[in-house]
Amino acid sequence: MATAARSTKYRRQSDTELSRMEIMEGAALCFEARGYAATSLDEVAARISSTKGRIYHHYGSKAELFLDVYRTGMMMNFQAIEPLLDIDMPAIERLKAVLKAHVRCVIRTKAFQNVVGQGVDMLRHGTMPANEHAELAQLAELRDAYSEHFSKVLEDARAAGAIDYTNIKIALNSVFMCINGPIVWFTPRKGQPEHEIEALADECVLYAIRLLGHRGEMS
């Protein structure tokens, strides 16, 4: 699945894709604010100053729209980190770069990442009908593939002696708690300067690598 994401990430968007993206952006903000169950397609249409008919031109249901937002949020994550995976650099620098790229993506696509989190909970609690639940399970496989990228960079950094841990699953979950934190506590401000975003990302990465026992410089 990650390979498919990598092969299409530089493709130009058609007018149809741009229209779908505008709908998804509005929907992500609505789902983030009110949750899946409380959000209606009327609210999504109002958010983007459009008609519900325009949404139905692209999506057959609210569930279909939600799943597309979830999938797109995951693709955004893949696109943020995959360019770093094949660059020749020390293992600890690759780890820092991948962690920071993820945090930047979380901050810049926060509403989409909130929907990903909602989807994880919905799969766990079985709150969607059977067809949509099956697609949530497929999206969970996409999340697993994404986590595998992080497992690899963590293992490489440990093999190089830059970090240490005993259980990769515990290490990975602890790291994701740090780098996904902005989904919960970050509130973007209009016109927020880029250096503030960079400082937030650096701080999240610092906590993550300190959890892994790294005591070197952040550079």
N, C-alpha and C. Protein backbone atom coordinates (compact mmCIF):
# COMPACT_ATOMS: atom_id res chain seq x y z
N MET A 1 0.82 -1.22 0.00
CA MET A 1 0.00 0.00 0.00
C MET A 1 0.84 1.25 0.00
N ALA A 2 1.93 1.21 0.75
CA ALA A 2 2.81 2.38 0.78
C ALA A 2 3.43 2.64 -0.58
N THR A 3 3.72 1.57 -1.33
CA THR A 3 4.29 1.73 -2.66
C THR A 3 3.33 2.46 -3.58
N ALA A 4 2.05 2.12 -3.46
CA ALA A 4 1.06 2.81 -4.29
C ALA A 4 1.01 4.29 -3.97
N ALA A 5 1.13 4.61 -2.68
CA ALA A 5 1.12 6.02 -2.28
C ALA A 5 2.30 6.75 -2.88
N ARG A 6 3.47 6.09 -2.88
CA ARG A 6 4.66 6.75 -3.36
C ARG A 6 4.59 6.99 -4.87
N SER A 7 3.97 6.08 -5.61
CA SER A 7 3.98 6.19 -7.05
C SER A 7 3.07 7.29 -7.58
N THR A 8 2.12 7.76 -6.77
CA THR A 8 1.15 8.74 -7.25
C THR A 8 1.30 10.12 -6.62
N LYS A 9 2.26 10.31 -5.73
CA LYS A 9 2.24 11.52 -4.92
C LYS A 9 2.55 12.80 -5.69
N TYR A 10 3.19 12.69 -6.87
CA TYR A 10 3.50 13.90 -7.63
C TYR A 10 2.54 14.12 -8.80
N ARG A 11 1.50 13.31 -8.86
CA ARG A 11 0.55 13.43 -9.96
C ARG A 11 -0.27 14.72 -9.81
N ARG A 12 -0.49 15.44 -10.92
CA ARG A 12 -1.28 16.67 -10.89
C ARG A 12 -2.74 16.32 -10.63
N GLN A 13 -3.42 17.17 -9.88
CA GLN A 13 -4.82 16.93 -9.57
C GLN A 13 -5.71 17.48 -10.66
N SER A 14 -6.73 16.70 -11.04
CA SER A 14 -7.73 17.16 -11.99
C SER A 14 -8.73 18.04 -11.27
N ASP A 15 -9.61 18.68 -12.04
CA ASP A 15 -10.66 19.51 -11.44
C ASP A 15 -11.53 18.68 -10.51
N THR A 16 -11.81 17.44 -10.90
CA THR A 16 -12.62 16.56 -10.06
C THR A 16 -11.92 16.28 -8.74
N GLU A 17 -10.62 16.02 -8.80
CA GLU A 17 -9.87 15.75 -7.58
C GLU A 17 -9.81 16.98 -6.68
N LEU A 18 -9.67 18.16 -7.29
CA LEU A 18 -9.64 19.38 -6.50
C LEU A 18 -10.99 19.61 -5.82
N SER A 19 -12.07 19.30 -6.51
CA SER A 19 -13.40 19.43 -5.93
C SER A 19 -13.57 18.46 -4.77
N ARG A 20 -13.12 17.23 -4.95
CA ARG A 20 -13.19 16.25 -3.87
C ARG A 20 -12.35 16.70 -2.68
N MET A 21 -11.18 17.27 -2.95
CA MET A 21 -10.32 17.72 -1.85
C MET A 21 -11.00 18.84 -1.07
N GLU A 22 -11.63 19.75 -1.75
CA GLU A 22 -12.33 20.83 -1.04
C GLU A 22 -13.43 20.25 -0.15
N ILE A 23 -14.15 19.27 -0.66
CA ILE A 23 -15.18 18.62 0.14
C ILE A 23 -14.56 17.91 1.35
N MET A 24 -13.47 17.19 1.10
CA MET A 24 -12.81 16.47 2.19
C MET A 24 -12.29 17.43 3.25
N GLU A 25 -11.73 18.57 2.83
CA GLU A 25 -11.21 19.53 3.80
C GLU A 25 -12.34 20.06 4.69
N GLY A 26 -13.47 20.38 4.07
CA GLY A 26 -14.62 20.84 4.86
C GLY A 26 -15.14 19.75 5.78
N ALA A 27 -15.21 18.53 5.25
CA ALA A 27 -15.70 17.42 6.06
C ALA A 27 -14.77 17.13 7.23
N ALA A 28 -13.46 17.17 6.98
CA ALA A 28 -12.50 16.90 8.05
C ALA A 28 -12.69 17.89 9.20
N LEU A 29 -12.90 19.16 8.88
CA LEU A 29 -13.11 20.17 9.91
C LEU A 29 -14.40 19.90 10.69
N CYS A 30 -15.44 19.48 9.98
CA CYS A 30 -16.71 19.16 10.65
C CYS A 30 -16.58 17.93 11.53
N PHE A 31 -15.95 16.88 11.01
CA PHE A 31 -15.77 15.66 11.80
C PHE A 31 -14.90 15.93 13.02
N GLU A 32 -13.89 16.78 12.84
CA GLU A 32 -13.01 17.12 13.96
C GLU A 32 -13.79 17.86 15.04
N ALA A 33 -14.64 18.79 14.63
CA ALA A 33 -15.36 19.63 15.59
C ALA A 33 -16.48 18.88 16.30
N ARG A 34 -17.21 18.00 15.57
CA ARG A 34 -18.43 17.42 16.12
C ARG A 34 -18.42 15.89 16.20
N GLY A 35 -17.43 15.27 15.59
CA GLY A 35 -17.43 13.81 15.56
C GLY A 35 -18.25 13.28 14.40
N TYR A 36 -18.02 12.03 14.06
CA TYR A 36 -18.70 11.44 12.91
C TYR A 36 -20.21 11.39 13.09
N ALA A 37 -20.68 10.88 14.22
CA ALA A 37 -22.12 10.67 14.41
C ALA A 37 -22.90 11.97 14.37
N ALA A 38 -22.35 13.03 14.93
CA ALA A 38 -23.07 14.30 15.05
C ALA A 38 -22.96 15.18 13.81
N THR A 39 -22.13 14.80 12.85
CA THR A 39 -21.93 15.62 11.65
C THR A 39 -22.89 15.18 10.55
N SER A 40 -23.52 16.15 9.91
CA SER A 40 -24.40 15.87 8.78
C SER A 40 -23.77 16.40 7.49
N LEU A 41 -24.23 15.86 6.37
CA LEU A 41 -23.74 16.36 5.09
C LEU A 41 -24.21 17.79 4.84
N ASP A 42 -25.34 18.17 5.43
CA ASP A 42 -25.77 19.56 5.34
C ASP A 42 -24.73 20.49 5.97
N GLU A 43 -24.15 20.07 7.09
CA GLU A 43 -23.13 20.88 7.75
C GLU A 43 -21.86 20.96 6.91
N VAL A 44 -21.51 19.84 6.29
CA VAL A 44 -20.33 19.85 5.42
C VAL A 44 -20.56 20.80 4.25
N ALA A 45 -21.75 20.73 3.63
CA ALA A 45 -22.06 21.61 2.51
C ALA A 45 -22.01 23.08 2.94
N ALA A 46 -22.54 23.38 4.12
CA ALA A 46 -22.50 24.76 4.62
C ALA A 46 -21.07 25.21 4.86
N ARG A 47 -20.24 24.31 5.35
CA ARG A 47 -18.84 24.64 5.64
C ARG A 47 -18.10 25.09 4.39
N ILE A 48 -18.42 24.47 3.24
CA ILE A 48 -17.71 24.82 1.99
C ILE A 48 -18.56 25.71 1.09
N SER A 49 -19.65 26.24 1.65
CA SER A 49 -20.55 27.14 0.90
C SER A 49 -20.99 26.50 -0.41
N SER A 50 -21.47 25.27 -0.30
CA SER A 50 -21.88 24.53 -1.48
C SER A 50 -23.23 23.86 -1.21
N THR A 51 -23.62 22.99 -2.12
CA THR A 51 -24.87 22.26 -1.96
C THR A 51 -24.58 20.81 -1.58
N LYS A 52 -25.57 20.18 -0.96
CA LYS A 52 -25.40 18.77 -0.62
C LYS A 52 -25.34 17.93 -1.89
N GLY A 53 -25.99 18.42 -2.95
CA GLY A 53 -25.95 17.70 -4.22
C GLY A 53 -24.54 17.59 -4.78
N ARG A 54 -23.74 18.61 -4.56
CA ARG A 54 -22.34 18.55 -5.03
C ARG A 54 -21.59 17.45 -4.29
N ILE A 55 -21.87 17.31 -3.00
CA ILE A 55 -21.22 16.24 -2.24
C ILE A 55 -21.66 14.88 -2.76
N TYR A 56 -22.96 14.73 -3.01
CA TYR A 56 -23.47 13.44 -3.51
C TYR A 56 -22.97 13.14 -4.92
N HIS A 57 -22.51 14.14 -5.64
CA HIS A 57 -21.91 13.90 -6.95
C HIS A 57 -20.63 13.08 -6.80
N HIS A 58 -19.97 13.23 -5.66
CA HIS A 58 -18.70 12.54 -5.42
C HIS A 58 -18.81 11.38 -4.44
N TYR A 59 -19.76 11.48 -3.50
CA TYR A 59 -19.85 10.49 -2.43
C TYR A 59 -21.28 10.00 -2.27
N GLY A 60 -21.41 8.70 -2.07
CA GLY A 60 -22.74 8.13 -1.93
C GLY A 60 -23.32 8.25 -0.54
N SER A 61 -22.49 8.54 0.45
CA SER A 61 -22.97 8.61 1.83
C SER A 61 -21.95 9.34 2.69
N LYS A 62 -22.38 9.68 3.90
CA LYS A 62 -21.46 10.30 4.86
C LYS A 62 -20.33 9.33 5.21
N ALA A 63 -20.65 8.06 5.33
CA ALA A 63 -19.62 7.07 5.67
C ALA A 63 -18.55 7.01 4.58
N GLU A 64 -18.98 7.05 3.32
CA GLU A 64 -18.01 7.01 2.22
C GLU A 64 -17.10 8.23 2.26
N LEU A 65 -17.66 9.39 2.57
CA LEU A 65 -16.86 10.61 2.69
C LEU A 65 -15.88 10.49 3.85
N PHE A 66 -16.36 10.02 4.98
CA PHE A 66 -15.49 9.86 6.15
C PHE A 66 -14.30 8.95 5.83
N LEU A 67 -14.57 7.84 5.17
CA LEU A 67 -13.51 6.89 4.85
C LEU A 67 -12.50 7.48 3.88
N ASP A 68 -12.97 8.34 2.96
CA ASP A 68 -12.04 8.98 2.03
C ASP A 68 -11.16 10.00 2.75
N VAL A 69 -11.74 10.71 3.72
CA VAL A 69 -10.94 11.64 4.52
C VAL A 69 -9.88 10.87 5.30
N TYR A 70 -10.27 9.76 5.90
CA TYR A 70 -9.33 8.90 6.63
C TYR A 70 -8.20 8.45 5.72
N ARG A 71 -8.57 7.91 4.56
CA ARG A 71 -7.56 7.41 3.62
C ARG A 71 -6.61 8.53 3.18
N THR A 72 -7.16 9.69 2.91
CA THR A 72 -6.35 10.83 2.47
C THR A 72 -5.41 11.29 3.57
N GLY A 73 -5.89 11.28 4.82
CA GLY A 73 -5.02 11.62 5.94
C GLY A 73 -3.82 10.69 6.02
N MET A 74 -4.05 9.41 5.79
CA MET A 74 -2.94 8.46 5.80
C MET A 74 -1.99 8.69 4.63
N MET A 75 -2.53 8.99 3.46
CA MET A 75 -1.67 9.26 2.31
C MET A 75 -0.79 10.49 2.54
N MET A 76 -1.37 11.49 3.21
CA MET A 76 -0.58 12.68 3.56
C MET A 76 0.62 12.30 4.43
N ASN A 77 0.39 11.39 5.36
CA ASN A 77 1.49 10.93 6.22
C ASN A 77 2.57 10.22 5.41
N PHE A 78 2.17 9.30 4.56
CA PHE A 78 3.13 8.59 3.73
C PHE A 78 3.95 9.57 2.89
N GLN A 79 3.28 10.52 2.30
CA GLN A 79 3.96 11.47 1.42
C GLN A 79 4.94 12.35 2.20
N ALA A 80 4.66 12.56 3.48
CA ALA A 80 5.55 13.39 4.29
C ALA A 80 6.86 12.68 4.61
N ILE A 81 6.80 11.38 4.86
CA ILE A 81 8.02 10.70 5.33
C ILE A 81 8.74 9.90 4.26
N GLU A 82 8.05 9.44 3.23
CA GLU A 82 8.69 8.53 2.28
C GLU A 82 9.89 9.12 1.54
N PRO A 83 9.90 10.42 1.20
CA PRO A 83 11.10 10.96 0.55
C PRO A 83 12.36 10.84 1.40
N LEU A 84 12.21 10.66 2.71
CA LEU A 84 13.36 10.60 3.61
C LEU A 84 13.91 9.18 3.77
N LEU A 85 13.14 8.19 3.35
CA LEU A 85 13.50 6.82 3.68
C LEU A 85 14.67 6.29 2.87
N ASP A 86 14.91 6.86 1.70
CA ASP A 86 15.97 6.35 0.82
C ASP A 86 17.19 7.27 0.75
N ILE A 87 17.19 8.34 1.56
CA ILE A 87 18.33 9.25 1.57
C ILE A 87 19.44 8.66 2.43
N ASP A 88 20.67 8.78 1.94
CA ASP A 88 21.82 8.27 2.69
C ASP A 88 22.16 9.24 3.82
N MET A 89 21.92 8.83 5.06
CA MET A 89 22.24 9.66 6.22
C MET A 89 22.40 8.75 7.43
N PRO A 90 23.05 9.22 8.49
CA PRO A 90 23.18 8.41 9.70
C PRO A 90 21.80 8.02 10.24
N ALA A 91 21.73 6.85 10.85
CA ALA A 91 20.44 6.31 11.30
C ALA A 91 19.71 7.24 12.25
N ILE A 92 20.44 7.87 13.18
CA ILE A 92 19.78 8.75 14.14
C ILE A 92 19.26 10.00 13.45
N GLU A 93 19.95 10.50 12.43
CA GLU A 93 19.47 11.67 11.70
C GLU A 93 18.23 11.33 10.89
N ARG A 94 18.21 10.12 10.32
CA ARG A 94 17.00 9.69 9.59
C ARG A 94 15.82 9.60 10.56
N LEU A 95 16.07 9.04 11.74
CA LEU A 95 14.99 8.94 12.73
C LEU A 95 14.45 10.32 13.08
N LYS A 96 15.33 11.26 13.37
CA LYS A 96 14.89 12.62 13.70
C LYS A 96 14.12 13.24 12.54
N ALA A 97 14.62 13.05 11.33
CA ALA A 97 13.98 13.66 10.15
C ALA A 97 12.59 13.08 9.93
N VAL A 98 12.45 11.77 10.07
CA VAL A 98 11.15 11.12 9.87
C VAL A 98 10.17 11.54 10.96
N LEU A 99 10.64 11.58 12.20
CA LEU A 99 9.77 12.03 13.28
C LEU A 99 9.29 13.46 13.05
N LYS A 100 10.21 14.34 12.66
CA LYS A 100 9.83 15.74 12.45
C LYS A 100 8.89 15.89 11.26
N ALA A 101 9.13 15.14 10.20
CA ALA A 101 8.24 15.21 9.04
C ALA A 101 6.83 14.80 9.42
N HIS A 102 6.73 13.78 10.27
CA HIS A 102 5.41 13.34 10.72
C HIS A 102 4.73 14.43 11.55
N VAL A 103 5.48 15.02 12.48
CA VAL A 103 4.87 16.06 13.32
C VAL A 103 4.42 17.24 12.48
N ARG A 104 5.24 17.66 11.54
CA ARG A 104 4.84 18.76 10.65
C ARG A 104 3.54 18.41 9.93
N CYS A 105 3.46 17.18 9.45
CA CYS A 105 2.26 16.76 8.72
C CYS A 105 1.04 16.77 9.64
N VAL A 106 1.22 16.28 10.86
CA VAL A 106 0.13 16.27 11.83
C VAL A 106 -0.38 17.69 12.09
N ILE A 107 0.55 18.63 12.24
CA ILE A 107 0.17 20.01 12.52
C ILE A 107 -0.55 20.63 11.33
N ARG A 108 -0.04 20.39 10.13
CA ARG A 108 -0.59 21.03 8.94
C ARG A 108 -1.86 20.35 8.43
N THR A 109 -2.10 19.12 8.81
CA THR A 109 -3.29 18.39 8.35
C THR A 109 -4.07 17.87 9.54
N LYS A 110 -4.11 18.67 10.60
CA LYS A 110 -4.63 18.23 11.89
C LYS A 110 -6.04 17.65 11.80
N ALA A 111 -6.92 18.29 11.06
CA ALA A 111 -8.30 17.80 10.99
C ALA A 111 -8.35 16.40 10.35
N PHE A 112 -7.56 16.19 9.30
CA PHE A 112 -7.51 14.87 8.67
C PHE A 112 -6.98 13.83 9.66
N GLN A 113 -5.94 14.19 10.42
CA GLN A 113 -5.36 13.23 11.36
C GLN A 113 -6.32 12.94 12.52
N ASN A 114 -7.15 13.91 12.87
CA ASN A 114 -8.17 13.67 13.88
C ASN A 114 -9.17 12.63 13.38
N VAL A 115 -9.51 12.71 12.11
CA VAL A 115 -10.42 11.72 11.52
C VAL A 115 -9.79 10.33 11.53
N VAL A 116 -8.49 10.25 11.23
CA VAL A 116 -7.80 8.96 11.32
C VAL A 116 -7.96 8.39 12.73
N GLY A 117 -7.77 9.22 13.74
CA GLY A 117 -7.93 8.76 15.11
C GLY A 117 -9.34 8.31 15.41
N GLN A 118 -10.33 9.04 14.89
CA GLN A 118 -11.72 8.62 15.07
C GLN A 118 -11.96 7.27 14.41
N GLY A 119 -11.38 7.09 13.22
CA GLY A 119 -11.56 5.82 12.51
C GLY A 119 -10.99 4.65 13.28
N VAL A 120 -9.86 4.86 13.94
CA VAL A 120 -9.25 3.81 14.76
C VAL A 120 -10.21 3.41 15.88
N ASP A 121 -10.79 4.40 16.54
CA ASP A 121 -11.73 4.12 17.63
C ASP A 121 -12.99 3.43 17.11
N MET A 122 -13.46 3.85 15.95
CA MET A 122 -14.68 3.25 15.39
C MET A 122 -14.46 1.79 15.02
N LEU A 123 -13.27 1.47 14.52
CA LEU A 123 -12.96 0.08 14.22
C LEU A 123 -12.92 -0.73 15.51
N ARG A 124 -12.32 -0.17 16.54
CA ARG A 124 -12.18 -0.88 17.80
C ARG A 124 -13.55 -1.17 18.42
N HIS A 125 -14.46 -0.21 18.32
CA HIS A 125 -15.76 -0.34 18.99
C HIS A 125 -16.86 -0.85 18.06
N GLY A 126 -16.55 -1.06 16.78
CA GLY A 126 -17.53 -1.63 15.86
C GLY A 126 -18.76 -0.77 15.66
N THR A 127 -18.57 0.53 15.47
CA THR A 127 -19.70 1.47 15.40
C THR A 127 -20.14 1.79 13.98
N MET A 128 -19.60 1.09 12.98
CA MET A 128 -20.01 1.30 11.60
C MET A 128 -20.66 0.04 11.06
N PRO A 129 -21.58 0.16 10.07
CA PRO A 129 -22.16 -1.02 9.44
C PRO A 129 -21.09 -1.92 8.83
N ALA A 130 -21.48 -3.15 8.50
CA ALA A 130 -20.52 -4.19 8.10
C ALA A 130 -19.64 -3.77 6.93
N ASN A 131 -20.23 -3.20 5.87
CA ASN A 131 -19.43 -2.83 4.70
C ASN A 131 -18.37 -1.79 5.04
N GLU A 132 -18.79 -0.75 5.75
CA GLU A 132 -17.85 0.31 6.12
C GLU A 132 -16.85 -0.20 7.16
N HIS A 133 -17.29 -1.10 8.02
CA HIS A 133 -16.38 -1.67 9.01
C HIS A 133 -15.26 -2.45 8.32
N ALA A 134 -15.61 -3.16 7.26
CA ALA A 134 -14.60 -3.91 6.50
C ALA A 134 -13.58 -2.96 5.89
N GLU A 135 -14.04 -1.80 5.41
CA GLU A 135 -13.10 -0.84 4.83
C GLU A 135 -12.23 -0.21 5.92
N LEU A 136 -12.80 0.00 7.10
CA LEU A 136 -12.00 0.50 8.21
C LEU A 136 -10.87 -0.49 8.53
N ALA A 137 -11.19 -1.78 8.45
CA ALA A 137 -10.17 -2.80 8.71
C ALA A 137 -9.06 -2.73 7.66
N GLN A 138 -9.42 -2.47 6.40
CA GLN A 138 -8.41 -2.32 5.35
C GLN A 138 -7.54 -1.09 5.61
N LEU A 139 -8.15 -0.02 6.07
CA LEU A 139 -7.39 1.18 6.38
C LEU A 139 -6.46 0.95 7.57
N ALA A 140 -6.86 0.07 8.47
CA ALA A 140 -5.97 -0.28 9.58
C ALA A 140 -4.71 -0.95 9.06
N GLU A 141 -4.83 -1.72 7.98
CA GLU A 141 -3.66 -2.33 7.36
C GLU A 141 -2.73 -1.26 6.79
N LEU A 142 -3.32 -0.19 6.28
CA LEU A 142 -2.51 0.92 5.79
C LEU A 142 -1.74 1.57 6.94
N ARG A 143 -2.39 1.73 8.07
CA ARG A 143 -1.72 2.27 9.25
C ARG A 143 -0.58 1.35 9.69
N ASP A 144 -0.82 0.05 9.61
CA ASP A 144 0.24 -0.90 9.97
C ASP A 144 1.45 -0.75 9.05
N ALA A 145 1.19 -0.56 7.75
CA ALA A 145 2.29 -0.37 6.80
C ALA A 145 3.06 0.91 7.12
N TYR A 146 2.34 1.93 7.53
CA TYR A 146 2.99 3.18 7.92
C TYR A 146 3.86 2.97 9.15
N SER A 147 3.33 2.25 10.13
CA SER A 147 4.09 1.98 11.34
C SER A 147 5.36 1.20 11.05
N GLU A 148 5.31 0.35 10.02
CA GLU A 148 6.49 -0.44 9.67
C GLU A 148 7.66 0.45 9.26
N HIS A 149 7.37 1.56 8.60
CA HIS A 149 8.43 2.51 8.27
C HIS A 149 9.14 2.99 9.54
N PHE A 150 8.34 3.31 10.57
CA PHE A 150 8.92 3.79 11.81
C PHE A 150 9.67 2.68 12.54
N SER A 151 9.13 1.47 12.50
CA SER A 151 9.83 0.34 13.11
C SER A 151 11.22 0.19 12.51
N LYS A 152 11.31 0.34 11.19
CA LYS A 152 12.59 0.17 10.50
C LYS A 152 13.59 1.25 10.92
N VAL A 153 13.15 2.51 10.96
CA VAL A 153 14.11 3.57 11.32
C VAL A 153 14.50 3.48 12.80
N LEU A 154 13.58 3.02 13.65
CA LEU A 154 13.93 2.80 15.05
C LEU A 154 14.96 1.67 15.19
N GLU A 155 14.73 0.59 14.50
CA GLU A 155 15.65 -0.56 14.57
C GLU A 155 17.03 -0.19 14.05
N ASP A 156 17.07 0.59 12.98
CA ASP A 156 18.37 1.03 12.43
C ASP A 156 19.11 1.90 13.43
N ALA A 157 18.38 2.82 14.09
CA ALA A 157 19.01 3.71 15.06
C ALA A 157 19.49 2.93 16.29
N ARG A 158 18.73 1.92 16.68
CA ARG A 158 19.17 1.10 17.81
C ARG A 158 20.40 0.29 17.43
N ALA A 159 20.39 -0.27 16.22
CA ALA A 159 21.54 -1.06 15.77
C ALA A 159 22.81 -0.20 15.71
N ALA A 160 22.65 1.09 15.45
CA ALA A 160 23.80 2.01 15.40
C ALA A 160 24.23 2.48 16.78
N GLY A 161 23.49 2.08 17.82
CA GLY A 161 23.84 2.46 19.18
C GLY A 161 23.38 3.84 19.59
N ALA A 162 22.51 4.45 18.79
CA ALA A 162 22.08 5.83 19.08
C ALA A 162 20.91 5.88 20.06
N ILE A 163 20.09 4.83 20.11
CA ILE A 163 18.95 4.75 21.02
C ILE A 163 18.90 3.34 21.60
N ASP A 164 18.03 3.15 22.57
CA ASP A 164 17.91 1.82 23.16
C ASP A 164 16.48 1.60 23.64
N TYR A 165 16.01 0.38 23.51
CA TYR A 165 14.71 -0.04 24.04
C TYR A 165 14.71 -1.56 24.04
N THR A 166 13.74 -2.13 24.75
CA THR A 166 13.64 -3.59 24.84
C THR A 166 12.55 -4.13 23.93
N ASN A 167 11.40 -3.48 23.94
CA ASN A 167 10.24 -3.96 23.20
C ASN A 167 9.88 -2.94 22.12
N ILE A 168 9.97 -3.33 20.85
CA ILE A 168 9.73 -2.40 19.75
C ILE A 168 8.30 -1.87 19.77
N LYS A 169 7.33 -2.68 20.16
CA LYS A 169 5.93 -2.22 20.17
C LYS A 169 5.73 -1.12 21.22
N ILE A 170 6.33 -1.32 22.39
CA ILE A 170 6.21 -0.29 23.43
C ILE A 170 6.94 0.97 23.00
N ALA A 171 8.12 0.80 22.42
CA ALA A 171 8.88 1.96 21.95
C ALA A 171 8.10 2.72 20.89
N LEU A 172 7.53 1.99 19.95
CA LEU A 172 6.80 2.62 18.85
C LEU A 172 5.57 3.36 19.36
N ASN A 173 4.81 2.73 20.26
CA ASN A 173 3.62 3.38 20.80
C ASN A 173 3.99 4.63 21.60
N SER A 174 5.08 4.56 22.34
CA SER A 174 5.52 5.73 23.12
C SER A 174 5.91 6.88 22.20
N VAL A 175 6.61 6.55 21.13
CA VAL A 175 7.02 7.57 20.16
C VAL A 175 5.79 8.22 19.51
N PHE A 176 4.83 7.40 19.11
CA PHE A 176 3.64 7.95 18.46
C PHE A 176 2.83 8.82 19.42
N MET A 177 2.86 8.51 20.70
CA MET A 177 2.18 9.38 21.66
C MET A 177 2.77 10.78 21.63
N CYS A 178 4.09 10.87 21.48
CA CYS A 178 4.75 12.18 21.42
C CYS A 178 4.46 12.89 20.11
N ILE A 179 4.63 12.20 19.00
CA ILE A 179 4.55 12.89 17.72
C ILE A 179 3.12 13.08 17.22
N ASN A 180 2.16 12.37 17.84
CA ASN A 180 0.75 12.60 17.51
C ASN A 180 0.08 13.56 18.49
N GLY A 181 0.84 14.00 19.49
CA GLY A 181 0.27 14.88 20.51
C GLY A 181 -0.45 16.11 19.96
N PRO A 182 0.10 16.79 18.92
CA PRO A 182 -0.57 17.99 18.42
C PRO A 182 -2.01 17.76 17.95
N ILE A 183 -2.37 16.53 17.61
CA ILE A 183 -3.75 16.25 17.23
C ILE A 183 -4.69 16.63 18.37
N VAL A 184 -4.22 16.47 19.59
CA VAL A 184 -5.05 16.72 20.76
C VAL A 184 -4.93 18.17 21.24
N TRP A 185 -3.67 18.67 21.34
CA TRP A 185 -3.51 19.94 22.06
C TRP A 185 -3.16 21.14 21.19
N PHE A 186 -2.87 20.93 19.91
CA PHE A 186 -2.48 22.06 19.07
C PHE A 186 -3.70 22.73 18.45
N THR A 187 -3.75 24.05 18.55
CA THR A 187 -4.80 24.83 17.89
C THR A 187 -4.13 25.85 16.98
N PRO A 188 -4.25 25.69 15.66
CA PRO A 188 -3.57 26.61 14.74
C PRO A 188 -4.14 28.02 14.83
N ARG A 189 -3.28 29.00 14.64
CA ARG A 189 -3.71 30.39 14.59
C ARG A 189 -3.56 30.90 13.17
N LYS A 190 -4.48 31.74 12.75
CA LYS A 190 -4.39 32.34 11.43
C LYS A 190 -3.12 33.17 11.35
N GLY A 191 -2.33 32.92 10.31
CA GLY A 191 -1.10 33.67 10.12
C GLY A 191 0.02 33.25 11.05
N GLN A 192 -0.11 32.08 11.68
CA GLN A 192 0.94 31.63 12.60
C GLN A 192 2.26 31.48 11.86
N PRO A 193 3.34 32.09 12.35
CA PRO A 193 4.62 32.04 11.64
C PRO A 193 5.19 30.63 11.60
N GLU A 194 5.92 30.36 10.53
CA GLU A 194 6.49 29.03 10.32
C GLU A 194 7.48 28.64 11.42
N HIS A 195 8.21 29.60 11.94
CA HIS A 195 9.20 29.26 12.96
C HIS A 195 8.55 28.70 14.21
N GLU A 196 7.32 29.09 14.51
CA GLU A 196 6.61 28.52 15.66
C GLU A 196 6.25 27.06 15.41
N ILE A 197 5.83 26.76 14.19
CA ILE A 197 5.52 25.37 13.82
C ILE A 197 6.78 24.51 13.93
N GLU A 198 7.89 25.05 13.42
CA GLU A 198 9.16 24.32 13.48
C GLU A 198 9.57 24.06 14.93
N ALA A 199 9.39 25.05 15.79
CA ALA A 199 9.77 24.90 17.20
C ALA A 199 8.91 23.83 17.88
N LEU A 200 7.62 23.82 17.58
CA LEU A 200 6.74 22.79 18.13
C LEU A 200 7.16 21.40 17.68
N ALA A 201 7.47 21.28 16.39
CA ALA A 201 7.88 19.99 15.85
C ALA A 201 9.18 19.53 16.50
N ASP A 202 10.13 20.44 16.64
CA ASP A 202 11.41 20.10 17.27
C ASP A 202 11.20 19.62 18.71
N GLU A 203 10.30 20.26 19.43
CA GLU A 203 10.06 19.89 20.82
C GLU A 203 9.45 18.48 20.91
N CYS A 204 8.51 18.18 20.04
CA CYS A 204 7.91 16.84 20.02
C CYS A 204 8.96 15.78 19.71
N VAL A 205 9.82 16.07 18.75
CA VAL A 205 10.88 15.12 18.39
C VAL A 205 11.86 14.95 19.55
N LEU A 206 12.20 16.03 20.22
CA LEU A 206 13.11 15.96 21.35
C LEU A 206 12.58 15.01 22.42
N TYR A 207 11.31 15.16 22.78
CA TYR A 207 10.73 14.28 23.80
C TYR A 207 10.74 12.83 23.33
N ALA A 208 10.44 12.62 22.05
CA ALA A 208 10.39 11.25 21.52
C ALA A 208 11.75 10.58 21.59
N ILE A 209 12.81 11.26 21.16
CA ILE A 209 14.12 10.61 21.16
C ILE A 209 14.69 10.49 22.57
N ARG A 210 14.30 11.41 23.47
CA ARG A 210 14.73 11.26 24.86
C ARG A 210 14.08 10.02 25.48
N LEU A 211 12.84 9.73 25.13
CA LEU A 211 12.20 8.51 25.60
C LEU A 211 12.97 7.27 25.17
N LEU A 212 13.62 7.37 24.01
CA LEU A 212 14.37 6.25 23.45
C LEU A 212 15.82 6.22 23.94
N GLY A 213 16.15 7.10 24.87
CA GLY A 213 17.47 7.07 25.47
C GLY A 213 18.54 7.86 24.74
N HIS A 214 18.16 8.62 23.72
CA HIS A 214 19.17 9.41 23.00
C HIS A 214 19.48 10.67 23.78
N ARG A 215 20.76 10.96 23.94
CA ARG A 215 21.18 12.14 24.71
C ARG A 215 22.03 13.10 23.89
N GLY A 216 22.08 12.90 22.59
CA GLY A 216 22.88 13.78 21.73
C GLY A 216 22.16 15.07 21.40
N GLU A 217 22.75 15.84 20.51
CA GLU A 217 22.18 17.11 20.09
C GLU A 217 21.00 16.88 19.16
N MET A 218 20.14 17.90 19.06
CA MET A 218 18.96 17.80 18.21
C MET A 218 19.24 18.11 16.75
N SER A 219 20.36 18.75 16.43
CA SER A 219 20.62 19.26 15.08
C SER A 219 20.34 18.21 14.01
